[in-house]
N, C-alpha and C. Protein backbone atom coordinates (compact mmCIF):
# COMPACT_ATOMS: atom_id res chain seq x y z
N MET A 1 -11.62 2.74 10.78
CA MET A 1 -11.19 2.99 9.41
C MET A 1 -9.85 3.68 9.43
N PRO A 2 -8.84 3.19 8.74
CA PRO A 2 -7.56 3.85 8.73
C PRO A 2 -7.58 5.11 7.92
N CYS A 3 -6.75 6.04 8.21
CA CYS A 3 -6.66 7.35 7.42
C CYS A 3 -6.30 7.11 6.01
N ILE A 4 -5.28 6.25 5.77
CA ILE A 4 -4.72 6.08 4.49
C ILE A 4 -4.60 4.61 4.14
N SER A 5 -5.01 4.25 2.90
CA SER A 5 -4.76 2.91 2.41
C SER A 5 -3.65 3.03 1.36
N PHE A 6 -2.52 2.46 1.64
CA PHE A 6 -1.51 2.36 0.67
C PHE A 6 -1.76 1.06 -0.19
N ILE A 7 -1.83 1.23 -1.51
CA ILE A 7 -2.08 0.11 -2.38
C ILE A 7 -0.82 -0.11 -3.16
N VAL A 8 -0.23 -1.35 -2.99
CA VAL A 8 1.02 -1.67 -3.64
C VAL A 8 0.84 -2.89 -4.59
N PRO A 9 0.70 -2.61 -5.88
CA PRO A 9 0.67 -3.78 -6.87
C PRO A 9 2.00 -4.34 -7.15
N ILE A 10 2.17 -5.61 -7.06
CA ILE A 10 3.44 -6.22 -7.08
C ILE A 10 3.54 -7.32 -8.13
N TYR A 11 4.57 -7.24 -8.99
CA TYR A 11 4.82 -8.34 -9.89
C TYR A 11 6.34 -8.47 -10.07
N ASN A 12 6.92 -9.55 -9.60
CA ASN A 12 8.30 -9.84 -9.72
C ASN A 12 9.23 -8.72 -9.25
N MET A 13 9.03 -8.33 -8.02
CA MET A 13 9.81 -7.15 -7.48
C MET A 13 10.63 -7.61 -6.22
N GLU A 14 10.96 -8.87 -6.13
CA GLU A 14 11.65 -9.34 -4.95
C GLU A 14 12.85 -8.51 -4.54
N ARG A 15 13.60 -8.02 -5.52
CA ARG A 15 14.85 -7.29 -5.20
C ARG A 15 14.61 -5.93 -4.61
N LEU A 16 13.54 -5.23 -5.10
CA LEU A 16 13.31 -3.84 -4.72
C LEU A 16 12.16 -3.71 -3.69
N LEU A 17 11.35 -4.64 -3.50
CA LEU A 17 10.21 -4.57 -2.64
C LEU A 17 10.58 -4.31 -1.17
N PRO A 18 11.66 -4.91 -0.68
CA PRO A 18 11.97 -4.68 0.79
C PRO A 18 12.14 -3.19 1.15
N ARG A 19 12.69 -2.40 0.21
CA ARG A 19 12.87 -0.94 0.45
C ARG A 19 11.44 -0.30 0.62
N ALA A 20 10.54 -0.68 -0.26
CA ALA A 20 9.20 -0.02 -0.18
C ALA A 20 8.50 -0.43 1.11
N LEU A 21 8.61 -1.70 1.51
CA LEU A 21 8.03 -2.15 2.77
C LEU A 21 8.66 -1.45 3.97
N ARG A 22 9.93 -1.35 3.96
CA ARG A 22 10.60 -0.66 5.10
C ARG A 22 10.09 0.82 5.21
N SER A 23 9.94 1.47 4.04
CA SER A 23 9.54 2.91 4.07
C SER A 23 8.08 2.99 4.59
N LEU A 24 7.25 2.00 4.36
CA LEU A 24 5.91 2.01 4.94
C LEU A 24 5.90 1.82 6.41
N ARG A 25 6.71 0.85 6.90
CA ARG A 25 6.77 0.60 8.34
C ARG A 25 7.28 1.81 9.06
N ALA A 26 8.08 2.65 8.42
CA ALA A 26 8.69 3.81 9.09
C ALA A 26 7.82 5.01 9.10
N GLN A 27 6.62 4.95 8.65
CA GLN A 27 5.80 6.14 8.59
C GLN A 27 5.50 6.70 9.97
N THR A 28 5.59 8.01 10.10
CA THR A 28 5.29 8.70 11.35
C THR A 28 3.78 8.69 11.63
N LEU A 29 2.98 8.67 10.59
CA LEU A 29 1.50 8.50 10.74
C LEU A 29 1.27 6.96 10.79
N THR A 30 0.89 6.49 11.88
CA THR A 30 0.78 5.02 12.03
C THR A 30 -0.62 4.54 11.67
N ASP A 31 -1.56 5.43 11.50
CA ASP A 31 -2.99 5.08 11.19
C ASP A 31 -3.18 4.82 9.71
N PHE A 32 -2.62 3.72 9.21
CA PHE A 32 -2.73 3.35 7.81
C PHE A 32 -2.83 1.88 7.64
N GLU A 33 -3.21 1.48 6.42
CA GLU A 33 -3.12 0.09 6.06
C GLU A 33 -2.33 -0.02 4.77
N ALA A 34 -1.60 -1.03 4.63
CA ALA A 34 -0.84 -1.28 3.36
C ALA A 34 -1.34 -2.56 2.77
N ILE A 35 -1.92 -2.41 1.58
CA ILE A 35 -2.55 -3.60 0.89
C ILE A 35 -1.54 -3.99 -0.21
N LEU A 36 -0.98 -5.16 0.03
CA LEU A 36 0.07 -5.69 -0.89
C LEU A 36 -0.59 -6.68 -1.76
N ILE A 37 -0.63 -6.42 -3.08
CA ILE A 37 -1.31 -7.28 -4.05
C ILE A 37 -0.21 -7.95 -4.93
N ASN A 38 -0.04 -9.24 -4.67
CA ASN A 38 0.86 -10.02 -5.52
C ASN A 38 0.20 -10.45 -6.73
N ASP A 39 0.62 -9.96 -7.87
CA ASP A 39 -0.10 -10.20 -9.14
C ASP A 39 0.53 -11.31 -9.90
N GLY A 40 0.62 -12.52 -9.33
CA GLY A 40 1.16 -13.69 -10.03
C GLY A 40 2.67 -13.69 -10.18
N SER A 41 3.35 -13.08 -9.19
CA SER A 41 4.88 -13.08 -9.34
C SER A 41 5.45 -14.49 -9.30
N LYS A 42 6.54 -14.65 -10.02
CA LYS A 42 7.21 -15.91 -10.10
C LYS A 42 8.48 -15.94 -9.35
N ASP A 43 8.83 -14.82 -8.63
CA ASP A 43 10.01 -14.74 -7.83
C ASP A 43 9.57 -14.86 -6.33
N GLY A 44 10.30 -14.33 -5.43
CA GLY A 44 10.04 -14.39 -4.00
C GLY A 44 9.13 -13.26 -3.45
N SER A 45 8.50 -12.50 -4.37
CA SER A 45 7.72 -11.36 -3.90
C SER A 45 6.57 -11.79 -3.01
N ALA A 46 5.89 -12.83 -3.30
CA ALA A 46 4.69 -13.35 -2.52
C ALA A 46 5.17 -13.62 -1.09
N ALA A 47 6.34 -14.26 -0.99
CA ALA A 47 6.83 -14.65 0.39
C ALA A 47 7.12 -13.38 1.20
N LEU A 48 7.71 -12.34 0.55
CA LEU A 48 7.97 -11.08 1.24
C LEU A 48 6.72 -10.39 1.70
N CYS A 49 5.65 -10.45 0.84
CA CYS A 49 4.36 -9.86 1.23
C CYS A 49 3.73 -10.62 2.40
N ALA A 50 3.78 -11.95 2.34
CA ALA A 50 3.20 -12.73 3.41
C ALA A 50 3.93 -12.54 4.74
N GLN A 51 5.23 -12.38 4.63
CA GLN A 51 5.98 -12.09 5.82
C GLN A 51 5.69 -10.76 6.44
N ALA A 52 5.58 -9.76 5.59
CA ALA A 52 5.20 -8.39 6.02
C ALA A 52 3.84 -8.43 6.79
N ALA A 53 2.89 -9.12 6.13
CA ALA A 53 1.54 -9.15 6.71
C ALA A 53 1.53 -9.91 8.06
N ALA A 54 2.39 -10.94 8.15
CA ALA A 54 2.46 -11.71 9.42
C ALA A 54 3.10 -10.91 10.52
N GLU A 55 4.03 -9.99 10.16
CA GLU A 55 4.77 -9.26 11.16
C GLU A 55 4.07 -7.97 11.66
N ASP A 56 3.20 -7.39 10.78
CA ASP A 56 2.61 -6.08 11.07
C ASP A 56 1.16 -6.14 10.70
N ALA A 57 0.27 -5.91 11.63
CA ALA A 57 -1.19 -6.01 11.42
C ALA A 57 -1.74 -4.93 10.44
N ARG A 58 -0.91 -3.93 10.20
CA ARG A 58 -1.36 -2.84 9.23
C ARG A 58 -1.19 -3.33 7.80
N PHE A 59 -0.47 -4.40 7.59
CA PHE A 59 -0.22 -4.92 6.21
C PHE A 59 -1.19 -6.05 5.94
N ARG A 60 -1.80 -5.99 4.75
CA ARG A 60 -2.67 -7.06 4.31
C ARG A 60 -2.16 -7.61 2.93
N PHE A 61 -2.21 -8.86 2.77
CA PHE A 61 -1.65 -9.54 1.58
C PHE A 61 -2.78 -10.15 0.75
N ILE A 62 -2.84 -9.78 -0.50
CA ILE A 62 -3.74 -10.37 -1.49
C ILE A 62 -2.90 -11.05 -2.57
N ASP A 63 -3.09 -12.37 -2.77
CA ASP A 63 -2.35 -13.10 -3.78
C ASP A 63 -3.38 -13.45 -4.94
N GLN A 64 -3.03 -13.06 -6.12
CA GLN A 64 -3.97 -13.31 -7.23
C GLN A 64 -3.15 -13.72 -8.48
N PRO A 65 -3.85 -14.37 -9.46
CA PRO A 65 -3.20 -14.68 -10.68
C PRO A 65 -2.83 -13.43 -11.41
N ASN A 66 -1.85 -13.52 -12.30
CA ASN A 66 -1.44 -12.30 -13.02
C ASN A 66 -2.63 -11.75 -13.86
N GLY A 67 -2.91 -10.50 -13.70
CA GLY A 67 -3.93 -9.84 -14.41
C GLY A 67 -3.49 -8.43 -14.92
N GLY A 68 -2.27 -8.09 -14.52
CA GLY A 68 -1.76 -6.77 -14.90
C GLY A 68 -1.92 -5.76 -13.80
N VAL A 69 -1.18 -4.67 -13.92
CA VAL A 69 -1.15 -3.66 -12.82
C VAL A 69 -2.52 -3.05 -12.54
N ALA A 70 -3.32 -2.84 -13.63
CA ALA A 70 -4.63 -2.26 -13.36
C ALA A 70 -5.56 -3.19 -12.54
N ALA A 71 -5.48 -4.47 -12.85
CA ALA A 71 -6.27 -5.46 -12.10
C ALA A 71 -5.80 -5.52 -10.65
N ALA A 72 -4.47 -5.43 -10.44
CA ALA A 72 -3.96 -5.42 -9.08
C ALA A 72 -4.38 -4.19 -8.33
N ARG A 73 -4.30 -3.03 -8.94
CA ARG A 73 -4.74 -1.80 -8.29
C ARG A 73 -6.24 -1.83 -7.98
N ASN A 74 -7.04 -2.38 -8.93
CA ASN A 74 -8.49 -2.49 -8.68
C ASN A 74 -8.79 -3.44 -7.49
N ALA A 75 -7.99 -4.53 -7.40
CA ALA A 75 -8.18 -5.45 -6.22
C ALA A 75 -7.85 -4.68 -4.92
N GLY A 76 -6.83 -3.87 -4.95
CA GLY A 76 -6.48 -3.06 -3.81
C GLY A 76 -7.61 -2.04 -3.49
N LEU A 77 -8.17 -1.45 -4.48
CA LEU A 77 -9.30 -0.50 -4.28
C LEU A 77 -10.44 -1.19 -3.63
N ASP A 78 -10.76 -2.35 -4.10
CA ASP A 78 -11.86 -3.17 -3.55
C ASP A 78 -11.66 -3.47 -2.10
N ALA A 79 -10.41 -3.72 -1.72
CA ALA A 79 -10.12 -4.12 -0.35
C ALA A 79 -9.86 -2.92 0.62
N ALA A 80 -9.63 -1.76 0.03
CA ALA A 80 -9.27 -0.62 0.81
C ALA A 80 -10.37 -0.16 1.78
N ARG A 81 -9.94 0.19 3.00
CA ARG A 81 -10.84 0.73 3.99
C ARG A 81 -10.52 2.15 4.39
N GLY A 82 -9.40 2.73 3.84
CA GLY A 82 -9.00 4.03 4.15
C GLY A 82 -9.82 5.20 3.68
N GLU A 83 -9.66 6.27 4.39
CA GLU A 83 -10.36 7.49 3.90
C GLU A 83 -9.71 8.04 2.66
N TYR A 84 -8.37 7.84 2.55
CA TYR A 84 -7.57 8.31 1.43
C TYR A 84 -6.82 7.13 0.85
N ILE A 85 -6.62 7.16 -0.48
CA ILE A 85 -5.88 6.12 -1.22
C ILE A 85 -4.55 6.62 -1.69
N PHE A 86 -3.49 5.80 -1.45
CA PHE A 86 -2.16 6.22 -1.92
C PHE A 86 -1.62 5.04 -2.68
N PHE A 87 -1.38 5.25 -3.99
CA PHE A 87 -0.81 4.14 -4.79
C PHE A 87 0.72 4.24 -4.68
N LEU A 88 1.36 3.17 -4.33
CA LEU A 88 2.82 3.12 -4.18
C LEU A 88 3.33 1.96 -5.08
N ASP A 89 4.14 2.25 -6.02
CA ASP A 89 4.79 1.21 -6.82
C ASP A 89 5.88 0.53 -5.98
N PRO A 90 5.99 -0.82 -6.17
CA PRO A 90 6.94 -1.51 -5.34
C PRO A 90 8.38 -1.23 -5.52
N ASP A 91 8.74 -0.50 -6.57
CA ASP A 91 10.13 -0.10 -6.80
C ASP A 91 10.33 1.37 -6.30
N ASP A 92 9.40 1.91 -5.62
CA ASP A 92 9.48 3.23 -4.99
C ASP A 92 9.50 3.10 -3.50
N TRP A 93 9.60 4.24 -2.81
CA TRP A 93 9.55 4.33 -1.41
C TRP A 93 8.98 5.69 -1.05
N VAL A 94 8.61 5.84 0.22
CA VAL A 94 8.11 7.15 0.68
C VAL A 94 8.98 7.53 1.93
N GLU A 95 9.12 8.85 2.04
CA GLU A 95 9.81 9.42 3.17
C GLU A 95 9.03 9.11 4.43
N PRO A 96 9.65 9.03 5.62
CA PRO A 96 8.97 8.68 6.84
C PRO A 96 7.78 9.56 7.17
N ASP A 97 7.83 10.81 6.81
CA ASP A 97 6.68 11.65 7.14
C ASP A 97 5.71 11.93 5.97
N ALA A 98 5.84 11.16 4.91
CA ALA A 98 5.05 11.38 3.69
C ALA A 98 3.55 11.26 3.97
N ALA A 99 3.20 10.22 4.63
CA ALA A 99 1.70 10.00 4.92
C ALA A 99 1.17 11.08 5.83
N GLU A 100 1.94 11.44 6.83
CA GLU A 100 1.49 12.48 7.80
C GLU A 100 1.35 13.82 7.11
N VAL A 101 2.32 14.21 6.38
CA VAL A 101 2.29 15.53 5.63
C VAL A 101 1.09 15.54 4.67
N LEU A 102 0.94 14.44 3.90
CA LEU A 102 -0.17 14.45 2.95
C LEU A 102 -1.49 14.47 3.67
N TYR A 103 -1.65 13.69 4.72
CA TYR A 103 -2.91 13.59 5.45
C TYR A 103 -3.25 14.95 6.06
N LEU A 104 -2.31 15.58 6.74
CA LEU A 104 -2.64 16.90 7.31
C LEU A 104 -2.99 17.97 6.26
N SER A 105 -2.36 17.83 5.12
CA SER A 105 -2.73 18.72 4.01
C SER A 105 -4.11 18.48 3.44
N LEU A 106 -4.35 17.22 3.34
CA LEU A 106 -5.72 16.84 2.73
C LEU A 106 -6.92 17.10 3.61
N ILE A 107 -6.72 16.95 4.90
CA ILE A 107 -7.89 17.15 5.75
C ILE A 107 -8.34 18.67 5.77
N HIS A 108 -7.45 19.52 5.31
CA HIS A 108 -7.76 20.92 5.23
C HIS A 108 -8.44 21.30 3.90
N ILE A 109 -8.32 20.45 2.91
CA ILE A 109 -8.88 20.79 1.56
C ILE A 109 -9.95 19.87 1.06
N SER A 110 -10.24 18.73 1.65
CA SER A 110 -11.20 17.89 1.08
C SER A 110 -12.41 17.70 1.99
N GLU A 111 -13.55 17.29 1.36
CA GLU A 111 -14.75 17.04 2.22
C GLU A 111 -14.54 15.72 2.92
N PRO A 112 -14.96 15.55 4.15
CA PRO A 112 -14.79 14.34 4.90
C PRO A 112 -15.39 13.11 4.26
N THR A 113 -16.42 13.22 3.53
CA THR A 113 -17.11 12.07 2.93
C THR A 113 -16.66 11.72 1.54
N ARG A 114 -15.68 12.48 1.06
CA ARG A 114 -15.16 12.28 -0.34
C ARG A 114 -13.91 11.46 -0.29
N ARG A 115 -13.85 10.41 -1.13
CA ARG A 115 -12.58 9.64 -1.17
C ARG A 115 -11.65 10.26 -2.14
N VAL A 116 -10.48 10.49 -1.74
CA VAL A 116 -9.43 11.12 -2.54
C VAL A 116 -8.31 10.16 -2.81
N VAL A 117 -7.87 10.02 -4.08
CA VAL A 117 -6.80 9.19 -4.47
C VAL A 117 -5.56 10.09 -4.65
N ILE A 118 -4.45 9.69 -4.02
CA ILE A 118 -3.23 10.48 -4.07
C ILE A 118 -2.26 9.84 -5.01
């Protein structure tokens, strides 16, 4: 079970998505999964997600018809295996040590059997 599940709901973000994906690949905490949910994008977002999943085993790609951001996040939650959940919007990015800092902070304050959403 990975420490953190990054859930990334994606709809027509081909232009900004690469930055988010690069920031996930650069994490100093490598025990994570990134669940990329393409929510019916009409641009090249799905291809970027498929490529990321093909190149890095920590990335998983879910392609679904457009249902809105809540449906995409819920699909990510259903697929998540991590102890902690981190929602990342595809037009954002995280610093290289973000997951590590958050994880180290969280393990000191949360119960081990309790799922925490960040």
